[in-house]
Structures are given as structure tokens and as C-alpha cells.
Protein backbone atom coordinates (compact mmCIF):
# COMPACT_ATOMS: atom_id res chain seq x y z
CA MET A 1 0.72 13.87 -0.66
CA LEU A 2 -2.70 15.36 -2.50
CA ASN A 3 -0.51 18.89 -2.12
CA GLY A 4 2.87 17.14 -2.52
CA CYS A 5 2.42 15.58 -5.38
CA TYR A 6 0.74 18.06 -6.96
CA ALA A 7 3.86 21.00 -5.71
CA ALA A 8 6.30 19.24 -7.08
CA LEU A 9 4.89 17.86 -10.71
CA PRO A 10 6.45 21.16 -11.99
CA TYR A 11 10.24 19.50 -10.22
CA LEU A 12 9.34 15.94 -11.10
CA LYS A 13 8.35 17.26 -15.47
CA ARG A 14 11.93 18.99 -15.66
CA ASN A 15 13.31 15.69 -14.72
CA PRO A 16 12.27 12.56 -17.15
CA GLY A 17 12.05 9.45 -15.22
CA SER A 18 11.43 11.00 -12.03
CA ARG A 19 9.52 9.13 -9.48
CA VAL A 20 6.77 9.72 -6.72
CA ILE A 21 6.54 6.77 -4.39
CA ASN A 22 3.39 6.91 -2.26
CA MET A 23 2.80 4.99 0.74
CA SER A 24 -0.25 2.76 0.46
CA SER A 25 -1.21 -0.36 3.13
CA ALA A 26 -2.01 -3.93 3.15
CA SER A 27 -5.77 -2.41 4.05
CA SER A 28 -6.14 -1.53 0.53
CA LEU A 29 -6.36 -4.63 -0.81
CA TYR A 30 -9.67 -5.14 1.10
CA GLY A 31 -11.48 -3.19 3.83
CA VAL A 32 -9.96 -4.34 7.06
CA PRO A 33 -12.66 -4.63 10.00
CA GLY A 34 -12.07 -2.35 12.78
CA PHE A 35 -9.86 -0.21 10.72
CA ALA A 36 -11.85 1.23 8.61
CA THR A 37 -10.96 4.43 7.96
CA TYR A 38 -7.88 3.92 7.66
CA SER A 39 -8.36 1.22 5.04
CA ALA A 40 -10.71 3.64 3.15
CA SER A 41 -7.61 5.85 3.36
CA LYS A 42 -5.31 3.73 2.10
CA PHE A 43 -7.76 2.44 -0.50
CA TRP A 44 -7.80 6.60 -1.84
CA VAL A 45 -3.65 6.16 -1.81
CA LYS A 46 -4.13 3.48 -4.46
CA GLY A 47 -6.51 5.24 -6.36
CA PHE A 48 -4.36 8.40 -6.63
CA THR A 49 -1.48 6.57 -7.26
CA GLU A 50 -2.94 4.47 -10.24
CA ALA A 51 -4.83 7.51 -11.91
CA LEU A 52 -1.55 9.93 -11.86
CA SER A 53 0.67 6.89 -13.46
CA VAL A 54 -1.55 7.31 -16.30
CA GLU A 55 -1.81 11.07 -16.27
CA TRP A 56 1.81 12.02 -15.55
CA SER A 57 3.09 8.78 -17.71
CA ARG A 58 2.88 11.95 -20.54
CA PHE A 59 5.58 13.75 -18.46
CA ASP A 60 7.55 10.36 -18.26
CA VAL A 61 6.78 10.49 -14.42
CA LEU A 62 6.04 7.38 -12.78
CA VAL A 63 3.97 7.25 -9.91
CA MET A 64 4.07 4.00 -7.20
CA ASP A 65 2.90 2.87 -4.18
CA ILE A 66 4.19 0.74 -1.26
CA GLU A 67 1.99 -1.69 0.75
CA PRO A 68 2.78 -3.15 4.04
CA PRO A 69 0.87 -5.34 6.38
CA PHE A 70 1.42 -4.13 9.18
CA VAL A 71 4.68 -2.42 10.77
CA LYS A 72 6.27 -1.82 14.20
CA THR A 73 5.83 1.73 14.47
CA PRO A 74 3.80 3.77 17.77
CA MET A 75 0.57 4.10 15.56
CA LEU A 76 -0.24 0.04 16.60
CA ALA A 77 1.00 0.72 20.02
CA GLY A 78 -1.30 -0.86 22.54
CA LYS A 79 -3.78 -1.62 19.40
CA GLN A 80 -5.17 -5.22 20.08
CA ALA A 81 -7.15 -6.81 16.97
CA ARG A 82 -7.43 -10.05 16.28
CA ILE A 83 -6.20 -9.67 12.21
CA ILE A 84 -2.82 -8.16 13.61
CA GLU A 85 -2.22 -10.80 15.98
CA ARG A 86 -3.06 -13.76 12.76
CA MET A 87 -1.32 -11.55 10.22
CA GLY A 88 1.95 -10.21 13.27
CA VAL A 89 3.83 -6.99 13.19
CA ASN A 90 7.25 -8.60 11.64
CA LEU A 91 8.08 -5.48 9.75
CA THR A 92 10.30 -2.13 11.04
CA ALA A 93 10.37 1.09 9.50
CA ASP A 94 13.71 0.30 8.32
CA ASP A 95 12.24 -2.53 5.94
CA ILE A 96 9.97 -0.49 4.62
CA ALA A 97 12.57 2.75 3.93
CA GLN A 98 14.51 -0.68 2.43
CA ALA A 99 11.10 -1.14 0.02
CA VAL A 100 11.22 2.37 -1.24
CA TRP A 101 14.33 1.93 -1.65
CA SER A 102 14.04 -0.92 -3.96
CA ALA A 103 11.33 0.79 -5.93
CA THR A 104 13.49 3.53 -7.15
CA ARG A 105 15.17 0.81 -9.55
CA ASP A 106 11.99 -0.85 -11.10
CA THR A 107 8.58 0.16 -12.57
CA GLN A 108 6.25 -2.41 -10.80
CA GLN A 109 3.52 0.40 -10.13
CA HIS A 110 2.21 -1.51 -6.73
CA HIS A 111 5.03 -3.03 -3.65
CA PRO A 112 3.69 -5.48 -1.94
CA ILE A 113 5.68 -6.08 1.32
CA SER A 114 5.67 -9.55 2.97
CA THR A 115 5.59 -12.46 2.45
CA PRO A 116 2.37 -13.51 3.96
CA TYR A 117 0.33 -10.27 2.58
CA LYS A 118 1.82 -11.45 -0.90
CA LEU A 119 0.15 -14.63 -0.60
CA LEU A 120 -2.98 -13.07 0.53
CA ARG A 121 -2.93 -10.60 -2.16
CA GLY A 122 -2.58 -13.34 -4.64
CA LEU A 123 -4.82 -15.17 -3.50
CA SER A 124 -7.67 -12.38 -3.29
CA ARG A 125 -6.79 -11.84 -7.08
CA ALA A 126 -7.81 -15.65 -7.95
CA LEU A 127 -10.45 -16.29 -5.63
CA PRO A 128 -13.91 -14.45 -6.29
CA GLU A 129 -14.48 -11.72 -4.07
CA SER A 130 -16.86 -13.15 -1.58
CA ALA A 131 -13.98 -15.46 -1.08
CA THR A 132 -11.91 -12.90 -0.32
CA ARG A 133 -14.44 -11.81 2.18
CA ALA A 134 -14.61 -14.50 4.24
CA LEU A 135 -10.98 -14.57 4.64
CA ILE A 136 -10.64 -11.18 5.93
CA LYS A 137 -14.12 -12.28 8.12
CA LEU A 138 -12.43 -15.27 9.44
CA MET A 139 -8.11 -13.30 9.77
CA SER A 140 -10.25 -10.59 11.87
CA GLY A 141 -12.66 -12.72 13.85
CA TYR A 142 -15.44 -10.64 12.82
């Protein structure tokens, strides 16, 4: 992703109002037990997106991300985890493609996908970090 973004920059700069849409995840909200490496990579995506959005704004390039929770893809095939059971796997790749398409028409930096994740995200912003940690712990069964 890093290499792709920087390789595209010369072309993006020539097209004011262009966009970069990175694929993050609901796992970037709080480290998800059982998915530590995946969560860490998505925290990186979110941080990279936020930094580039500031840096590249001078070129009129908007950098944003999509934050879906669990999606019905081969990556989750056979995965068993309490948090997956509790959050559910209700999104398809087509749902994510639609979210990306919708993101091309607004200026919001982060695009959380699905009502349950949007609620969890809102709660995590309103509650103290210890409450978010306790909620994640409860949902993941740790």
C-alpha cells in the first residue's frame, strides 16, 4: 500500500480533487484479541492514511479509508473466535465495493461500515479507554 500510494502520487498531483481510498478495518479501533498482528497492520493503515491526508492536502489529494468489520471472504473461512460470533459476519465483498464507491462522493476521512461497528466506534469515542477495553474483552471472551 505504501509503495502504491507513493508511486501514484505524481499522477494524483496532476488531477486536483483526486482520492486515495485505503482498506483499513474495524480492527483499527482497538487491538482485537486473537487478531493482534492483523489489528496492528490496520492501525498502521489508519495512521498512514491520516498522515498522508494532511501531507497531500496541499496537492488537493484526499486520502481516506474504509473500516469494515468482519467480511465474508476466504480470509475468514474456518476462523473461529468469540468476537466473530458476537459481531457476526454480515458483509460481503460487494458491500465493501459499494462502500468504496460511496466514499468517492464525500470527504469524510474514515468510513466505518455496518451499524453495529458504527455503534461500537461511537461508544469507544464517548467512553473512557478502560470501558472500551472491557467491552472488547467481553466481546472477545478474554
